Structure formats: structure tokens, C-alpha cells
Amino acid sequence: MKKLKVTIAHLEEHRDGIVHGTKITFQVIQNEKVLVRDSLSGKASQPFTKTYDVTASDADIFVTHDRHDLKWLTITAELIE
């Protein structure tokens, strides 16, 4: 079992000059296997980190999400010891 740290920053929508919270669904994938699928809602202009217990190898991981309209959104994932 390994720890997977996911960090999300700039989870926010801008409408009429006002910053609003929003919702995102993301997946962390390794070797075509979904390690984590989760949804978050709210507003996070500063980085927000969540840790998951996963069964994973040392192979590369990547993140996909459903909010490509939020160009400023960043999501990173890393396996930690």
C-alpha cells in the first residue's frame, strides 16, 4: 500500500467578475488502472491537498479531470512514502 498525494489549486469559477466555487471530478491513472476517482466541490484559490491509500507500483501516474474550461486549474499527483 502506498500513499497518493493529490494537490488541487485554483478550483474556482469567475462569473461577472465574482469568484465562485465549482465542482470537479478527477481520476489518477497508472498503467490504465484507475487508482483514485473523486469529486470535490467548493472554492480553493490556495493549494488544497488530499491523501489517499492506493495499491500502486512505481510506474508513472497521470491525472485527468472534467473541467477543461478552467484554464487556471492545476491538479498534481505524486506517490509518497
PDB file of N, CA and C in Angstrom:
ATOM      1  N   MET A   1       0.849  -1.181   0.000  1.00  0.00           N
ATOM      2  CA  MET A   1       0.000   0.000   0.000  1.00  0.00           C
ATOM      3  C   MET A   1       0.891   1.238   0.000  1.00  0.00           C
ATOM      4  N   LYS A   2       0.538   2.198  -0.841  1.00  0.00           N
ATOM      5  CA  LYS A   2       1.277   3.453  -0.926  1.00  0.00           C
ATOM      6  C   LYS A   2       0.323   4.609  -0.659  1.00  0.00           C
ATOM      7  N   LYS A   3       0.905   5.756  -0.430  1.00  0.00           N
ATOM      8  CA  LYS A   3       0.138   6.998  -0.262  1.00  0.00           C
ATOM      9  C   LYS A   3       0.203   7.778  -1.571  1.00  0.00           C
ATOM     10  N   LEU A   4      -0.938   8.293  -1.972  1.00  0.00           N
ATOM     11  CA  LEU A   4      -1.034   9.134  -3.159  1.00  0.00           C
ATOM     12  C   LEU A   4      -1.481  10.512  -2.705  1.00  0.00           C
ATOM     13  N   LYS A   5      -0.663  11.516  -3.000  1.00  0.00           N
ATOM     14  CA  LYS A   5      -0.983  12.899  -2.614  1.00  0.00           C
ATOM     15  C   LYS A   5      -1.468  13.643  -3.848  1.00  0.00           C
ATOM     16  N   VAL A   6      -2.685  14.153  -3.788  1.00  0.00           N
ATOM     17  CA  VAL A   6      -3.268  14.930  -4.881  1.00  0.00           C
ATOM     18  C   VAL A   6      -3.408  16.378  -4.401  1.00  0.00           C
ATOM     19  N   THR A   7      -2.895  17.306  -5.210  1.00  0.00           N
ATOM     20  CA  THR A   7      -2.962  18.724  -4.870  1.00  0.00           C
ATOM     21  C   THR A   7      -3.734  19.462  -5.958  1.00  0.00           C
ATOM     22  N   ILE A   8      -4.731  20.212  -5.529  1.00  0.00           N
ATOM     23  CA  ILE A   8      -5.578  20.987  -6.445  1.00  0.00           C
ATOM     24  C   ILE A   8      -5.453  22.463  -6.069  1.00  0.00           C
ATOM     25  N   ALA A   9      -5.234  23.291  -7.076  1.00  0.00           N
ATOM     26  CA  ALA A   9      -5.162  24.736  -6.836  1.00  0.00           C
ATOM     27  C   ALA A   9      -6.030  25.456  -7.864  1.00  0.00           C
ATOM     28  N   HIS A  10      -6.583  26.565  -7.449  1.00  0.00           N
ATOM     29  CA  HIS A  10      -7.411  27.424  -8.306  1.00  0.00           C
ATOM     30  C   HIS A  10      -8.711  26.738  -8.721  1.00  0.00           C
ATOM     31  N   LEU A  11      -9.321  26.030  -7.779  1.00  0.00           N
ATOM     32  CA  LEU A  11     -10.638  25.445  -8.010  1.00  0.00           C
ATOM     33  C   LEU A  11     -11.658  26.564  -7.790  1.00  0.00           C
ATOM     34  N   GLU A  12     -11.962  27.268  -8.866  1.00  0.00           N
ATOM     35  CA  GLU A  12     -12.856  28.425  -8.782  1.00  0.00           C
ATOM     36  C   GLU A  12     -13.348  28.790 -10.175  1.00  0.00           C
ATOM     37  N   GLU A  13     -14.529  29.388 -10.199  1.00  0.00           N
ATOM     38  CA  GLU A  13     -15.093  29.907 -11.447  1.00  0.00           C
ATOM     39  C   GLU A  13     -15.217  31.417 -11.314  1.00  0.00           C
ATOM     40  N   HIS A  14     -15.077  32.107 -12.425  1.00  0.00           N
ATOM     41  CA  HIS A  14     -15.221  33.560 -12.449  1.00  0.00           C
ATOM     42  C   HIS A  14     -16.442  33.889 -13.304  1.00  0.00           C
ATOM     43  N   ARG A  15     -17.451  34.487 -12.668  1.00  0.00           N
ATOM     44  CA  ARG A  15     -18.656  34.907 -13.390  1.00  0.00           C
ATOM     45  C   ARG A  15     -18.969  36.347 -13.020  1.00  0.00           C
ATOM     46  N   ASP A  16     -19.061  37.180 -14.032  1.00  0.00           N
ATOM     47  CA  ASP A  16     -19.376  38.598 -13.836  1.00  0.00           C
ATOM     48  C   ASP A  16     -18.413  39.262 -12.853  1.00  0.00           C
ATOM     49  N   GLY A  17     -17.124  38.860 -12.915  1.00  0.00           N
ATOM     50  CA  GLY A  17     -16.116  39.459 -12.056  1.00  0.00           C
ATOM     51  C   GLY A  17     -16.119  38.955 -10.628  1.00  0.00           C
ATOM     52  N   ILE A  18     -16.933  37.965 -10.330  1.00  0.00           N
ATOM     53  CA  ILE A  18     -17.036  37.419  -8.974  1.00  0.00           C
ATOM     54  C   ILE A  18     -16.507  35.986  -8.988  1.00  0.00           C
ATOM     55  N   VAL A  19     -15.730  35.640  -7.969  1.00  0.00           N
ATOM     56  CA  VAL A  19     -15.177  34.291  -7.854  1.00  0.00           C
ATOM     57  C   VAL A  19     -16.185  33.409  -7.124  1.00  0.00           C
ATOM     58  N   HIS A  20     -16.517  32.284  -7.757  1.00  0.00           N
ATOM     59  CA  HIS A  20     -17.473  31.324  -7.194  1.00  0.00           C
ATOM     60  C   HIS A  20     -16.805  29.968  -7.034  1.00  0.00           C
ATOM     61  N   GLY A  21     -17.357  29.159  -6.154  1.00  0.00           N
ATOM     62  CA  GLY A  21     -16.918  27.781  -6.036  1.00  0.00           C
ATOM     63  C   GLY A  21     -17.451  26.971  -7.209  1.00  0.00           C
ATOM     64  N   THR A  22     -16.904  25.796  -7.408  1.00  0.00           N
ATOM     65  CA  THR A  22     -17.321  24.938  -8.510  1.00  0.00           C
ATOM     66  C   THR A  22     -17.091  23.486  -8.127  1.00  0.00           C
ATOM     67  N   LYS A  23     -17.363  22.587  -9.037  1.00  0.00           N
ATOM     68  CA  LYS A  23     -17.204  21.157  -8.790  1.00  0.00           C
ATOM     69  C   LYS A  23     -16.305  20.564  -9.868  1.00  0.00           C
ATOM     70  N   ILE A  24     -15.486  19.589  -9.466  1.00  0.00           N
ATOM     71  CA  ILE A  24     -14.607  18.891 -10.400  1.00  0.00           C
ATOM     72  C   ILE A  24     -14.584  17.410 -10.053  1.00  0.00           C
ATOM     73  N   THR A  25     -14.515  16.592 -11.084  1.00  0.00           N
ATOM     74  CA  THR A  25     -14.310  15.162 -10.918  1.00  0.00           C
ATOM     75  C   THR A  25     -12.986  14.824 -11.579  1.00  0.00           C
ATOM     76  N   PHE A  26     -12.143  14.089 -10.861  1.00  0.00           N
ATOM     77  CA  PHE A  26     -10.829  13.755 -11.402  1.00  0.00           C
ATOM     78  C   PHE A  26     -10.510  12.289 -11.172  1.00  0.00           C
ATOM     79  N   GLN A  27      -9.532  11.809 -11.938  1.00  0.00           N
ATOM     80  CA  GLN A  27      -9.032  10.448 -11.801  1.00  0.00           C
ATOM     81  C   GLN A  27      -7.515  10.489 -11.823  1.00  0.00           C
ATOM     82  N   VAL A  28      -6.907   9.604 -11.046  1.00  0.00           N
ATOM     83  CA  VAL A  28      -5.467   9.389 -11.123  1.00  0.00           C
ATOM     84  C   VAL A  28      -5.280   7.985 -11.677  1.00  0.00           C
ATOM     85  N   ILE A  29      -4.502   7.887 -12.753  1.00  0.00           N
ATOM     86  CA  ILE A  29      -4.384   6.635 -13.504  1.00  0.00           C
ATOM     87  C   ILE A  29      -2.924   6.201 -13.561  1.00  0.00           C
ATOM     88  N   GLN A  30      -2.730   4.884 -13.439  1.00  0.00           N
ATOM     89  CA  GLN A  30      -1.405   4.284 -13.585  1.00  0.00           C
ATOM     90  C   GLN A  30      -1.560   2.991 -14.370  1.00  0.00           C
ATOM     91  N   ASN A  31      -0.832   2.859 -15.463  1.00  0.00           N
ATOM     92  CA  ASN A  31      -0.899   1.643 -16.299  1.00  0.00           C
ATOM     93  C   ASN A  31      -2.336   1.276 -16.667  1.00  0.00           C
ATOM     94  N   GLU A  32      -3.116   2.279 -17.075  1.00  0.00           N
ATOM     95  CA  GLU A  32      -4.508   2.101 -17.486  1.00  0.00           C
ATOM     96  C   GLU A  32      -5.435   1.649 -16.352  1.00  0.00           C
ATOM     97  N   LYS A  33      -4.955   1.706 -15.113  1.00  0.00           N
ATOM     98  CA  LYS A  33      -5.754   1.362 -13.936  1.00  0.00           C
ATOM     99  C   LYS A  33      -6.059   2.641 -13.162  1.00  0.00           C
ATOM    100  N   VAL A  34      -7.312   2.819 -12.796  1.00  0.00           N
ATOM    101  CA  VAL A  34      -7.704   3.992 -12.017  1.00  0.00           C
ATOM    102  C   VAL A  34      -7.334   3.754 -10.555  1.00  0.00           C
ATOM    103  N   LEU A  35      -6.423   4.569 -10.051  1.00  0.00           N
ATOM    104  CA  LEU A  35      -6.030   4.468  -8.644  1.00  0.00           C
ATOM    105  C   LEU A  35      -7.017   5.201  -7.746  1.00  0.00           C
ATOM    106  N   VAL A  36      -7.481   6.358  -8.215  1.00  0.00           N
ATOM    107  CA  VAL A  36      -8.419   7.188  -7.452  1.00  0.00           C
ATOM    108  C   VAL A  36      -9.371   7.858  -8.422  1.00  0.00           C
ATOM    109  N   ARG A  37     -10.639   7.871  -8.066  1.00  0.00           N
ATOM    110  CA  ARG A  37     -11.650   8.673  -8.752  1.00  0.00           C
ATOM    111  C   ARG A  37     -12.383   9.415  -7.638  1.00  0.00           C
ATOM    112  N   ASP A  38     -12.439  10.737  -7.760  1.00  0.00           N
ATOM    113  CA  ASP A  38     -13.048  11.520  -6.690  1.00  0.00           C
ATOM    114  C   ASP A  38     -13.648  12.790  -7.275  1.00  0.00           C
ATOM    115  N   SER A  39     -14.550  13.392  -6.526  1.00  0.00           N
ATOM    116  CA  SER A  39     -15.147  14.684  -6.875  1.00  0.00           C
ATOM    117  C   SER A  39     -14.964  15.618  -5.700  1.00  0.00           C
ATOM    118  N   LEU A  40     -14.699  16.857  -6.012  1.00  0.00           N
ATOM    119  CA  LEU A  40     -14.578  17.894  -4.996  1.00  0.00           C
ATOM    120  C   LEU A  40     -15.401  19.088  -5.429  1.00  0.00           C
ATOM    121  N   SER A  41     -15.991  19.768  -4.472  1.00  0.00           N
ATOM    122  CA  SER A  41     -16.702  20.998  -4.788  1.00  0.00           C
ATOM    123  C   SER A  41     -16.332  22.044  -3.757  1.00  0.00           C
ATOM    124  N   GLY A  42     -16.363  23.276  -4.193  1.00  0.00           N
ATOM    125  CA  GLY A  42     -16.021  24.378  -3.322  1.00  0.00           C
ATOM    126  C   GLY A  42     -15.148  25.370  -4.043  1.00  0.00           C
ATOM    127  N   LYS A  43     -14.429  26.154  -3.257  1.00  0.00           N
ATOM    128  CA  LYS A  43     -13.542  27.178  -3.808  1.00  0.00           C
ATOM    129  C   LYS A  43     -12.201  27.024  -3.108  1.00  0.00           C
ATOM    130  N   ALA A  44     -11.132  26.887  -3.894  1.00  0.00           N
ATOM    131  CA  ALA A  44      -9.793  26.738  -3.332  1.00  0.00           C
ATOM    132  C   ALA A  44      -8.816  27.532  -4.182  1.00  0.00           C
ATOM    133  N   SER A  45      -8.585  28.782  -3.828  1.00  0.00           N
ATOM    134  CA  SER A  45      -7.623  29.580  -4.580  1.00  0.00           C
ATOM    135  C   SER A  45      -6.198  29.233  -4.156  1.00  0.00           C
ATOM    136  N   GLN A  46      -6.029  28.750  -2.940  1.00  0.00           N
ATOM    137  CA  GLN A  46      -4.743  28.251  -2.471  1.00  0.00           C
ATOM    138  C   GLN A  46      -4.711  26.734  -2.657  1.00  0.00           C
ATOM    139  N   PRO A  47      -3.536  26.132  -2.780  1.00  0.00           N
ATOM    140  CA  PRO A  47      -3.468  24.675  -2.965  1.00  0.00           C
ATOM    141  C   PRO A  47      -4.141  23.910  -1.826  1.00  0.00           C
ATOM    142  N   PHE A  48      -4.893  22.895  -2.213  1.00  0.00           N
ATOM    143  CA  PHE A  48      -5.585  22.002  -1.295  1.00  0.00           C
ATOM    144  C   PHE A  48      -5.054  20.605  -1.564  1.00  0.00           C
ATOM    145  N   THR A  49      -4.639  19.893  -0.527  1.00  0.00           N
ATOM    146  CA  THR A  49      -4.052  18.572  -0.699  1.00  0.00           C
ATOM    147  C   THR A  49      -4.888  17.525   0.019  1.00  0.00           C
ATOM    148  N   LYS A  50      -5.060  16.394  -0.656  1.00  0.00           N
ATOM    149  CA  LYS A  50      -5.776  15.263  -0.091  1.00  0.00           C
ATOM    150  C   LYS A  50      -4.925  14.020  -0.329  1.00  0.00           C
ATOM    151  N   THR A  51      -4.855  13.127   0.656  1.00  0.00           N
ATOM    152  CA  THR A  51      -4.032  11.927   0.560  1.00  0.00           C
ATOM    153  C   THR A  51      -4.926  10.697   0.555  1.00  0.00           C
ATOM    154  N   TYR A  52      -4.574   9.751  -0.318  1.00  0.00           N
ATOM    155  CA  TYR A  52      -5.325   8.509  -0.478  1.00  0.00           C
ATOM    156  C   TYR A  52      -4.385   7.322  -0.284  1.00  0.00           C
ATOM    157  N   ASP A  53      -4.894   6.216   0.255  1.00  0.00           N
ATOM    158  CA  ASP A  53      -4.171   4.959   0.294  1.00  0.00           C
ATOM    159  C   ASP A  53      -4.497   4.208  -0.994  1.00  0.00           C
ATOM    160  N   VAL A  54      -3.454   3.791  -1.730  1.00  0.00           N
ATOM    161  CA  VAL A  54      -3.659   3.120  -3.004  1.00  0.00           C
ATOM    162  C   VAL A  54      -2.716   1.924  -3.132  1.00  0.00           C
ATOM    163  N   THR A  55      -3.108   0.999  -3.972  1.00  0.00           N
ATOM    164  CA  THR A  55      -2.227  -0.092  -4.370  1.00  0.00           C
ATOM    165  C   THR A  55      -1.638   0.313  -5.710  1.00  0.00           C
ATOM    166  N   ALA A  56      -0.335   0.609  -5.716  1.00  0.00           N
ATOM    167  CA  ALA A  56       0.304   1.146  -6.919  1.00  0.00           C
ATOM    168  C   ALA A  56       1.744   0.672  -7.001  1.00  0.00           C
ATOM    169  N   SER A  57       2.288   0.770  -8.215  1.00  0.00           N
ATOM    170  CA  SER A  57       3.703   0.469  -8.443  1.00  0.00           C
ATOM    171  C   SER A  57       4.457   1.797  -8.522  1.00  0.00           C
ATOM    172  N   ASP A  58       5.707   1.731  -8.953  1.00  0.00           N
ATOM    173  CA  ASP A  58       6.491   2.956  -9.118  1.00  0.00           C
ATOM    174  C   ASP A  58       6.384   3.527 -10.528  1.00  0.00           C
ATOM    175  N   ALA A  59       5.498   2.982 -11.354  1.00  0.00           N
ATOM    176  CA  ALA A  59       5.309   3.470 -12.724  1.00  0.00           C
ATOM    177  C   ALA A  59       4.712   4.884 -12.705  1.00  0.00           C
ATOM    178  N   ASP A  60       4.803   5.552 -13.846  1.00  0.00           N
ATOM    179  CA  ASP A  60       4.268   6.913 -13.968  1.00  0.00           C
ATOM    180  C   ASP A  60       2.768   6.937 -13.709  1.00  0.00           C
ATOM    181  N   ILE A  61       2.312   8.059 -13.179  1.00  0.00           N
ATOM    182  CA  ILE A  61       0.881   8.293 -12.967  1.00  0.00           C
ATOM    183  C   ILE A  61       0.499   9.566 -13.702  1.00  0.00           C
ATOM    184  N   PHE A  62      -0.780   9.669 -14.038  1.00  0.00           N
ATOM    185  CA  PHE A  62      -1.260  10.921 -14.617  1.00  0.00           C
ATOM    186  C   PHE A  62      -2.685  11.187 -14.164  1.00  0.00           C
ATOM    187  N   VAL A  63      -3.083  12.455 -14.280  1.00  0.00           N
ATOM    188  CA  VAL A  63      -4.376  12.922 -13.786  1.00  0.00           C
ATOM    189  C   VAL A  63      -5.236  13.374 -14.957  1.00  0.00           C
ATOM    190  N   THR A  64      -6.512  12.998 -14.932  1.00  0.00           N
ATOM    191  CA  THR A  64      -7.487  13.538 -15.873  1.00  0.00           C
ATOM    192  C   THR A  64      -8.603  14.196 -15.062  1.00  0.00           C
ATOM    193  N   HIS A  65      -9.292  15.154 -15.673  1.00  0.00           N
ATOM    194  CA  HIS A  65     -10.416  15.802 -14.990  1.00  0.00           C
ATOM    195  C   HIS A  65     -11.437  16.272 -16.014  1.00  0.00           C
ATOM    196  N   ASP A  66     -12.584  16.691 -15.528  1.00  0.00           N
ATOM    197  CA  ASP A  66     -13.702  17.053 -16.400  1.00  0.00           C
ATOM    198  C   ASP A  66     -13.928  18.556 -16.537  1.00  0.00           C
ATOM    199  N   ARG A  67     -12.988  19.386 -16.091  1.00  0.00           N
ATOM    200  CA  ARG A  67     -13.196  20.836 -16.138  1.00  0.00           C
ATOM    201  C   ARG A  67     -12.108  21.538 -16.947  1.00  0.00           C
ATOM    202  N   HIS A  68     -12.027  21.198 -18.218  1.00  0.00           N
ATOM    203  CA  HIS A  68     -11.027  21.804 -19.082  1.00  0.00           C
ATOM    204  C   HIS A  68     -11.329  23.274 -19.382  1.00  0.00           C
ATOM    205  N   ASP A  69     -12.529  23.729 -19.038  1.00  0.00           N
ATOM    206  CA  ASP A  69     -12.872  25.137 -19.204  1.00  0.00           C
ATOM    207  C   ASP A  69     -12.187  26.022 -18.162  1.00  0.00           C
ATOM    208  N   LEU A  70     -11.692  25.432 -17.088  1.00  0.00           N
ATOM    209  CA  LEU A  70     -11.000  26.187 -16.044  1.00  0.00           C
ATOM    210  C   LEU A  70      -9.499  26.167 -16.343  1.00  0.00           C
ATOM    211  N   LYS A  71      -9.056  27.056 -17.202  1.00  0.00           N
ATOM    212  CA  LYS A  71      -7.670  27.060 -17.687  1.00  0.00           C
ATOM    213  C   LYS A  71      -6.648  27.270 -16.574  1.00  0.00           C
ATOM    214  N   TRP A  72      -7.015  27.901 -15.488  1.00  0.00           N
ATOM    215  CA  TRP A  72      -6.118  28.213 -14.381  1.00  0.00           C
ATOM    216  C   TRP A  72      -6.032  27.073 -13.367  1.00  0.00           C
ATOM    217  N   LEU A  73      -6.907  26.088 -13.456  1.00  0.00           N
ATOM    218  CA  LEU A  73      -6.935  24.947 -12.538  1.00  0.00           C
ATOM    219  C   LEU A  73      -5.682  24.094 -12.702  1.00  0.00           C
ATOM    220  N   THR A  74      -5.077  23.703 -11.574  1.00  0.00           N
ATOM    221  CA  THR A  74      -3.969  22.757 -11.634  1.00  0.00           C
ATOM    222  C   THR A  74      -4.247  21.602 -10.679  1.00  0.00           C
ATOM    223  N   ILE A  75      -3.965  20.397 -11.154  1.00  0.00           N
ATOM    224  CA  ILE A  75      -4.081  19.188 -10.339  1.00  0.00           C
ATOM    225  C   ILE A  75      -2.801  18.390 -10.536  1.00  0.00           C
ATOM    226  N   THR A  76      -2.138  18.091  -9.431  1.00  0.00           N
ATOM    227  CA  THR A  76      -0.950  17.253  -9.498  1.00  0.00           C
ATOM    228  C   THR A  76      -1.126  16.069  -8.562  1.00  0.00           C
ATOM    229  N   ALA A  77      -0.435  14.984  -8.883  1.00  0.00           N
ATOM    230  CA  ALA A  77      -0.497  13.786  -8.050  1.00  0.00           C
ATOM    231  C   ALA A  77       0.897  13.197  -7.948  1.00  0.00           C
ATOM    232  N   GLU A  78       1.217  12.683  -6.773  1.00  0.00           N
ATOM    233  CA  GLU A  78       2.503  12.029  -6.591  1.00  0.00           C
ATOM    234  C   GLU A  78       2.373  10.937  -5.534  1.00  0.00           C
ATOM    235  N   LEU A  79       3.134   9.866  -5.747  1.00  0.00           N
ATOM    236  CA  LEU A  79       3.209   8.793  -4.766  1.00  0.00           C
ATOM    237  C   LEU A  79       4.249   9.181  -3.735  1.00  0.00           C
ATOM    238  N   ILE A  80       3.887   9.036  -2.475  1.00  0.00           N
ATOM    239  CA  ILE A  80       4.808   9.394  -1.383  1.00  0.00           C
ATOM    240  C   ILE A  80       4.990   8.184  -0.485  1.00  0.00           C
ATOM    241  N   GLU A  81       6.070   8.173   0.230  1.00  0.00           N
ATOM    242  CA  GLU A  81       6.377   7.047   1.135  1.00  0.00           C
ATOM    243  C   GLU A  81       5.784   7.295   2.501  1.00  0.00           C
TER     244      GLU A  81
END
